[in-house]
N, C-alpha and C. Protein backbone atom coordinates (compact mmCIF):
# COMPACT_ATOMS: atom_id res chain seq x y z
N MET A 1 116.76 111.42 112.74
CA MET A 1 115.54 110.59 112.81
C MET A 1 114.37 111.60 112.48
N ARG A 2 113.43 111.19 111.66
CA ARG A 2 112.31 111.98 111.28
C ARG A 2 111.10 111.45 112.19
N LEU A 3 110.48 112.44 112.91
CA LEU A 3 109.35 112.01 113.64
C LEU A 3 108.07 112.24 112.88
N VAL A 4 107.05 111.50 113.12
CA VAL A 4 105.76 111.63 112.49
C VAL A 4 105.04 112.83 113.10
N ARG A 5 104.62 113.77 112.25
CA ARG A 5 103.92 114.91 112.92
C ARG A 5 102.44 114.59 113.24
N VAL A 6 102.09 115.11 114.36
CA VAL A 6 100.72 114.93 114.79
C VAL A 6 99.87 115.76 113.89
N GLY A 7 98.75 115.28 113.44
CA GLY A 7 97.93 115.99 112.52
C GLY A 7 98.07 115.60 111.03
N GLU A 8 99.06 114.69 110.75
CA GLU A 8 99.15 114.20 109.41
C GLU A 8 97.89 113.34 109.13
N ARG A 9 97.42 113.36 107.95
CA ARG A 9 96.21 112.73 107.60
C ARG A 9 96.26 111.26 107.39
N ALA A 10 95.18 110.58 107.82
CA ALA A 10 95.13 109.14 107.45
C ALA A 10 94.81 108.94 105.98
N VAL A 11 95.39 107.88 105.45
CA VAL A 11 95.07 107.47 104.09
C VAL A 11 94.48 106.07 104.08
N ASN A 12 93.43 105.92 103.50
CA ASN A 12 92.68 104.65 103.47
C ASN A 12 92.48 104.12 104.88
N GLY A 13 92.22 104.97 105.86
CA GLY A 13 92.02 104.51 107.21
C GLY A 13 93.18 104.17 108.04
N VAL A 14 94.41 104.35 107.47
CA VAL A 14 95.62 104.14 108.19
C VAL A 14 96.30 105.54 108.42
N GLY A 15 96.60 105.74 109.68
CA GLY A 15 97.28 107.00 109.96
C GLY A 15 98.75 106.97 109.74
N PRO A 16 99.40 108.04 109.89
CA PRO A 16 100.80 108.24 109.53
C PRO A 16 101.66 107.26 110.40
N LEU A 17 101.37 107.12 111.66
CA LEU A 17 102.06 106.22 112.49
C LEU A 17 101.91 104.72 112.09
N GLY A 18 100.66 104.31 111.67
CA GLY A 18 100.47 103.02 111.22
C GLY A 18 101.22 102.71 109.88
N ARG A 19 101.37 103.73 109.04
CA ARG A 19 102.14 103.59 107.86
C ARG A 19 103.56 103.32 108.14
N VAL A 20 104.09 104.11 109.19
CA VAL A 20 105.48 103.92 109.61
C VAL A 20 105.74 102.48 110.10
N VAL A 21 104.82 102.05 110.97
CA VAL A 21 105.05 100.64 111.55
C VAL A 21 105.06 99.63 110.35
N ALA A 22 104.10 99.82 109.52
CA ALA A 22 104.06 98.81 108.31
C ALA A 22 105.34 98.89 107.52
N ALA A 23 105.76 100.09 107.25
CA ALA A 23 107.05 100.19 106.48
C ALA A 23 108.16 99.60 107.20
N ASN A 24 108.25 99.81 108.52
CA ASN A 24 109.34 99.29 109.28
C ASN A 24 109.29 97.74 109.32
N VAL A 25 108.15 97.16 109.43
CA VAL A 25 107.96 95.67 109.47
C VAL A 25 108.55 95.16 108.12
N ARG A 26 108.06 95.75 106.99
CA ARG A 26 108.65 95.34 105.74
C ARG A 26 110.22 95.41 105.64
N LEU A 27 110.64 96.54 106.03
CA LEU A 27 112.16 96.76 106.15
C LEU A 27 112.87 95.73 106.92
N LEU A 28 112.46 95.49 108.13
CA LEU A 28 113.08 94.64 109.03
C LEU A 28 112.94 93.09 108.53
N ARG A 29 111.81 92.77 107.99
CA ARG A 29 111.59 91.44 107.49
C ARG A 29 112.47 91.18 106.28
N LEU A 30 112.55 92.14 105.40
CA LEU A 30 113.46 91.99 104.22
C LEU A 30 114.97 92.02 104.61
N GLY A 31 115.30 92.76 105.67
CA GLY A 31 116.66 92.86 106.13
C GLY A 31 117.06 91.57 106.74
N ARG A 32 116.07 90.84 107.26
CA ARG A 32 116.45 89.52 107.85
C ARG A 32 116.46 88.41 106.77
N GLY A 33 115.93 88.72 105.58
CA GLY A 33 115.77 87.72 104.58
C GLY A 33 114.72 86.75 104.78
N TRP A 34 113.65 87.25 105.46
CA TRP A 34 112.49 86.30 105.83
C TRP A 34 111.40 86.64 104.76
N SER A 35 110.71 85.56 104.48
CA SER A 35 109.53 85.64 103.70
C SER A 35 108.36 86.09 104.55
N GLN A 36 107.30 86.45 103.99
CA GLN A 36 106.08 86.86 104.68
C GLN A 36 105.60 85.64 105.52
N ARG A 37 105.72 84.50 104.84
CA ARG A 37 105.27 83.31 105.52
C ARG A 37 106.13 83.00 106.72
N GLU A 38 107.40 83.18 106.69
CA GLU A 38 108.30 82.91 107.70
C GLU A 38 108.06 83.92 108.85
N LEU A 39 107.84 85.19 108.57
CA LEU A 39 107.50 86.11 109.66
C LEU A 39 106.21 85.70 110.38
N GLY A 40 105.25 85.19 109.59
CA GLY A 40 103.98 84.77 110.24
C GLY A 40 104.20 83.56 111.14
N GLU A 41 105.09 82.69 110.71
CA GLU A 41 105.36 81.44 111.55
C GLU A 41 106.15 81.88 112.82
N ARG A 42 106.97 82.88 112.74
CA ARG A 42 107.79 83.32 113.84
C ARG A 42 106.86 84.08 114.83
N MET A 43 105.89 84.86 114.28
CA MET A 43 104.87 85.51 115.13
C MET A 43 104.04 84.43 115.87
N ALA A 44 103.64 83.42 115.17
CA ALA A 44 102.89 82.30 115.83
C ALA A 44 103.62 81.67 116.90
N GLY A 45 104.90 81.40 116.65
CA GLY A 45 105.86 80.82 117.66
C GLY A 45 105.99 81.77 118.86
N ALA A 46 105.79 83.03 118.75
CA ALA A 46 105.99 83.97 119.81
C ALA A 46 104.56 84.27 120.45
N GLY A 47 103.53 83.56 119.95
CA GLY A 47 102.30 83.73 120.68
C GLY A 47 101.25 84.65 119.96
N ARG A 48 101.42 85.05 118.76
CA ARG A 48 100.48 85.92 118.01
C ARG A 48 100.41 85.34 116.66
N ARG A 49 99.36 84.65 116.36
CA ARG A 49 99.11 83.96 115.04
C ARG A 49 98.90 85.13 113.97
N LEU A 50 99.64 85.00 112.95
CA LEU A 50 99.59 85.89 111.81
C LEU A 50 99.83 85.14 110.48
N SER A 51 98.94 85.03 109.67
CA SER A 51 99.10 84.28 108.39
C SER A 51 99.89 85.07 107.45
N GLU A 52 100.38 84.46 106.37
CA GLU A 52 101.20 85.05 105.35
C GLU A 52 100.23 86.19 104.66
N VAL A 53 98.97 85.94 104.51
CA VAL A 53 98.12 86.92 103.95
C VAL A 53 97.99 88.12 104.79
N SER A 54 97.85 87.87 106.16
CA SER A 54 97.88 88.99 107.07
C SER A 54 99.16 89.79 107.18
N VAL A 55 100.28 89.17 107.01
CA VAL A 55 101.49 89.91 106.95
C VAL A 55 101.59 90.77 105.68
N ASN A 56 101.04 90.23 104.59
CA ASN A 56 101.01 90.92 103.37
C ASN A 56 100.15 92.26 103.50
N LYS A 57 99.01 92.10 104.12
CA LYS A 57 98.09 93.16 104.29
C LYS A 57 98.55 94.17 105.25
N LEU A 58 99.33 93.70 106.29
CA LEU A 58 99.98 94.56 107.31
C LEU A 58 100.97 95.50 106.58
N GLU A 59 101.84 94.80 105.83
CA GLU A 59 102.86 95.58 105.08
C GLU A 59 102.20 96.63 104.03
N ALA A 60 101.11 96.17 103.39
CA ALA A 60 100.40 96.96 102.44
C ALA A 60 99.90 98.36 103.12
N ALA A 61 99.66 98.34 104.34
CA ALA A 61 99.30 99.57 104.99
C ALA A 61 100.34 100.68 104.86
N ALA A 62 101.62 100.42 104.43
CA ALA A 62 102.61 101.39 104.21
C ALA A 62 102.34 102.08 102.89
N ASP A 63 101.61 101.49 102.03
CA ASP A 63 101.38 102.05 100.69
C ASP A 63 100.00 102.81 100.61
N ALA A 64 100.15 104.10 100.39
CA ALA A 64 98.96 104.90 100.43
C ALA A 64 97.81 104.43 99.62
N GLY A 65 97.99 103.78 98.49
CA GLY A 65 97.02 103.40 97.55
C GLY A 65 96.59 101.92 97.72
N ALA A 66 97.02 101.27 98.82
CA ALA A 66 96.63 99.84 99.02
C ALA A 66 95.24 99.68 99.19
N PRO A 67 94.61 98.80 98.37
CA PRO A 67 93.13 98.61 98.57
C PRO A 67 92.77 97.80 99.83
N ARG A 68 93.67 96.88 100.12
CA ARG A 68 93.43 95.94 101.32
C ARG A 68 94.60 96.00 102.19
N PHE A 69 94.28 96.24 103.57
CA PHE A 69 95.40 96.33 104.47
C PHE A 69 94.92 95.90 105.81
N ARG A 70 95.81 95.72 106.76
CA ARG A 70 95.59 95.20 108.10
C ARG A 70 96.16 96.27 109.12
N HIS A 71 95.45 96.71 110.09
CA HIS A 71 95.98 97.57 111.06
C HIS A 71 96.88 96.76 112.00
N VAL A 72 97.79 97.39 112.67
CA VAL A 72 98.69 96.87 113.62
C VAL A 72 98.10 97.29 115.07
N ASP A 73 97.78 96.28 115.87
CA ASP A 73 97.29 96.69 117.19
C ASP A 73 98.55 96.53 118.10
N VAL A 74 98.29 96.84 119.47
CA VAL A 74 99.38 96.93 120.45
C VAL A 74 99.94 95.51 120.61
N ASP A 75 99.08 94.57 120.63
CA ASP A 75 99.54 93.16 120.79
C ASP A 75 100.50 92.73 119.62
N ASP A 76 100.06 93.10 118.36
CA ASP A 76 100.93 92.87 117.26
C ASP A 76 102.31 93.58 117.41
N LEU A 77 102.26 94.80 117.80
CA LEU A 77 103.43 95.58 117.92
C LEU A 77 104.44 94.94 118.89
N VAL A 78 103.89 94.49 120.09
CA VAL A 78 104.89 93.92 121.03
C VAL A 78 105.44 92.62 120.55
N VAL A 79 104.56 91.82 119.91
CA VAL A 79 105.23 90.52 119.40
C VAL A 79 106.03 90.74 118.20
N LEU A 80 105.80 91.66 117.41
CA LEU A 80 106.65 91.95 116.24
C LEU A 80 108.01 92.43 116.80
N ALA A 81 107.98 93.34 117.80
CA ALA A 81 109.26 93.71 118.35
C ALA A 81 110.04 92.55 118.90
N ARG A 82 109.37 91.66 119.68
CA ARG A 82 110.05 90.47 120.23
C ARG A 82 110.64 89.60 119.03
N VAL A 83 109.92 89.40 117.99
CA VAL A 83 110.29 88.54 116.86
C VAL A 83 111.51 89.27 116.24
N PHE A 84 111.58 90.59 116.06
CA PHE A 84 112.66 91.25 115.36
C PHE A 84 113.82 91.54 116.35
N GLU A 85 113.54 91.24 117.65
CA GLU A 85 114.58 91.55 118.72
C GLU A 85 114.92 92.99 118.77
N VAL A 86 113.87 93.89 118.81
CA VAL A 86 114.01 95.30 118.97
C VAL A 86 113.05 95.72 120.04
N GLU A 87 113.27 96.95 120.56
CA GLU A 87 112.27 97.56 121.53
C GLU A 87 110.98 98.05 120.64
N PRO A 88 109.83 97.91 121.21
CA PRO A 88 108.61 98.29 120.51
C PRO A 88 108.71 99.70 119.99
N VAL A 89 109.30 100.64 120.67
CA VAL A 89 109.41 102.00 120.29
C VAL A 89 110.18 102.25 118.95
N MET A 90 111.02 101.17 118.64
CA MET A 90 111.84 101.27 117.40
C MET A 90 110.93 101.18 116.20
N LEU A 91 109.87 100.38 116.38
CA LEU A 91 108.84 100.14 115.31
C LEU A 91 108.03 101.32 114.93
N LEU A 92 108.01 102.30 115.98
CA LEU A 92 107.18 103.49 115.81
C LEU A 92 107.87 104.66 115.21
N GLN A 93 109.20 104.57 114.91
CA GLN A 93 109.98 105.67 114.34
C GLN A 93 110.40 105.24 112.89
N PRO A 94 110.40 106.19 111.99
CA PRO A 94 110.90 105.86 110.67
C PRO A 94 112.30 105.39 110.72
N LEU A 95 112.62 104.18 110.25
CA LEU A 95 113.84 103.61 110.25
C LEU A 95 114.66 103.96 109.00
N GLU A 96 115.96 104.04 109.22
CA GLU A 96 116.81 104.34 108.04
C GLU A 96 117.41 103.03 107.64
N VAL A 97 117.82 102.89 106.35
CA VAL A 97 118.50 101.63 105.98
C VAL A 97 119.64 101.21 106.88
N ARG A 98 120.46 102.18 107.30
CA ARG A 98 121.53 101.82 108.10
C ARG A 98 121.08 101.16 109.40
N THR A 99 120.02 101.74 110.08
CA THR A 99 119.46 101.07 111.23
C THR A 99 119.02 99.68 111.04
N VAL A 100 118.39 99.42 109.84
CA VAL A 100 117.94 98.11 109.61
C VAL A 100 119.09 97.13 109.41
N VAL A 101 120.11 97.52 108.79
CA VAL A 101 121.37 96.75 108.62
C VAL A 101 121.92 96.45 109.99
N GLU A 102 122.03 97.41 110.92
CA GLU A 102 122.60 97.12 112.18
C GLU A 102 121.69 96.18 112.97
N VAL A 103 120.43 96.31 112.93
CA VAL A 103 119.47 95.48 113.67
C VAL A 103 119.49 94.05 113.14
N ALA A 104 119.55 94.01 111.80
CA ALA A 104 119.59 92.63 111.12
C ALA A 104 120.90 91.90 111.35
N GLY A 105 121.90 92.54 111.87
CA GLY A 105 123.20 91.95 112.11
C GLY A 105 124.01 91.74 110.90
N TRP A 106 123.98 92.65 109.97
CA TRP A 106 124.76 92.50 108.78
C TRP A 106 126.20 93.05 108.80
N ALA A 107 126.80 92.76 109.90
CA ALA A 107 128.18 93.24 110.06
C ALA A 107 129.07 92.23 109.45
N GLY A 108 128.85 91.83 108.16
CA GLY A 108 129.64 90.78 107.42
C GLY A 108 128.91 89.46 107.54
N THR A 109 127.88 89.29 108.33
CA THR A 109 127.18 87.94 108.44
C THR A 109 125.77 88.21 108.39
N ARG A 110 125.04 87.13 107.95
CA ARG A 110 123.55 87.23 108.06
C ARG A 110 123.13 86.35 109.11
N ARG A 111 121.98 86.62 109.78
CA ARG A 111 121.38 85.77 110.81
C ARG A 111 120.77 84.57 110.15
């Protein structure tokens, strides 16, 4: 597991940990086979309204050159973890594809 180093620089106002969370959201969403709209709907069902556009901007924070992005706050993080059925701390660590496959339940079947 690679940890984010303290002192890494923010890019476009998003720090290294914010980019990790954004990349993990994208990986987990794609691993589940969900569209951005579906993730937004699942978030709303769990108590945190997030539009398809907001999901797109949230995931764009993973890309250093993204002109438009959305920060993830603590409330977002907790509801994202609930929706993906993972512990919040899992979203804060760079995920490997193997981990995403395990979390998504791809042991021969898709959720």
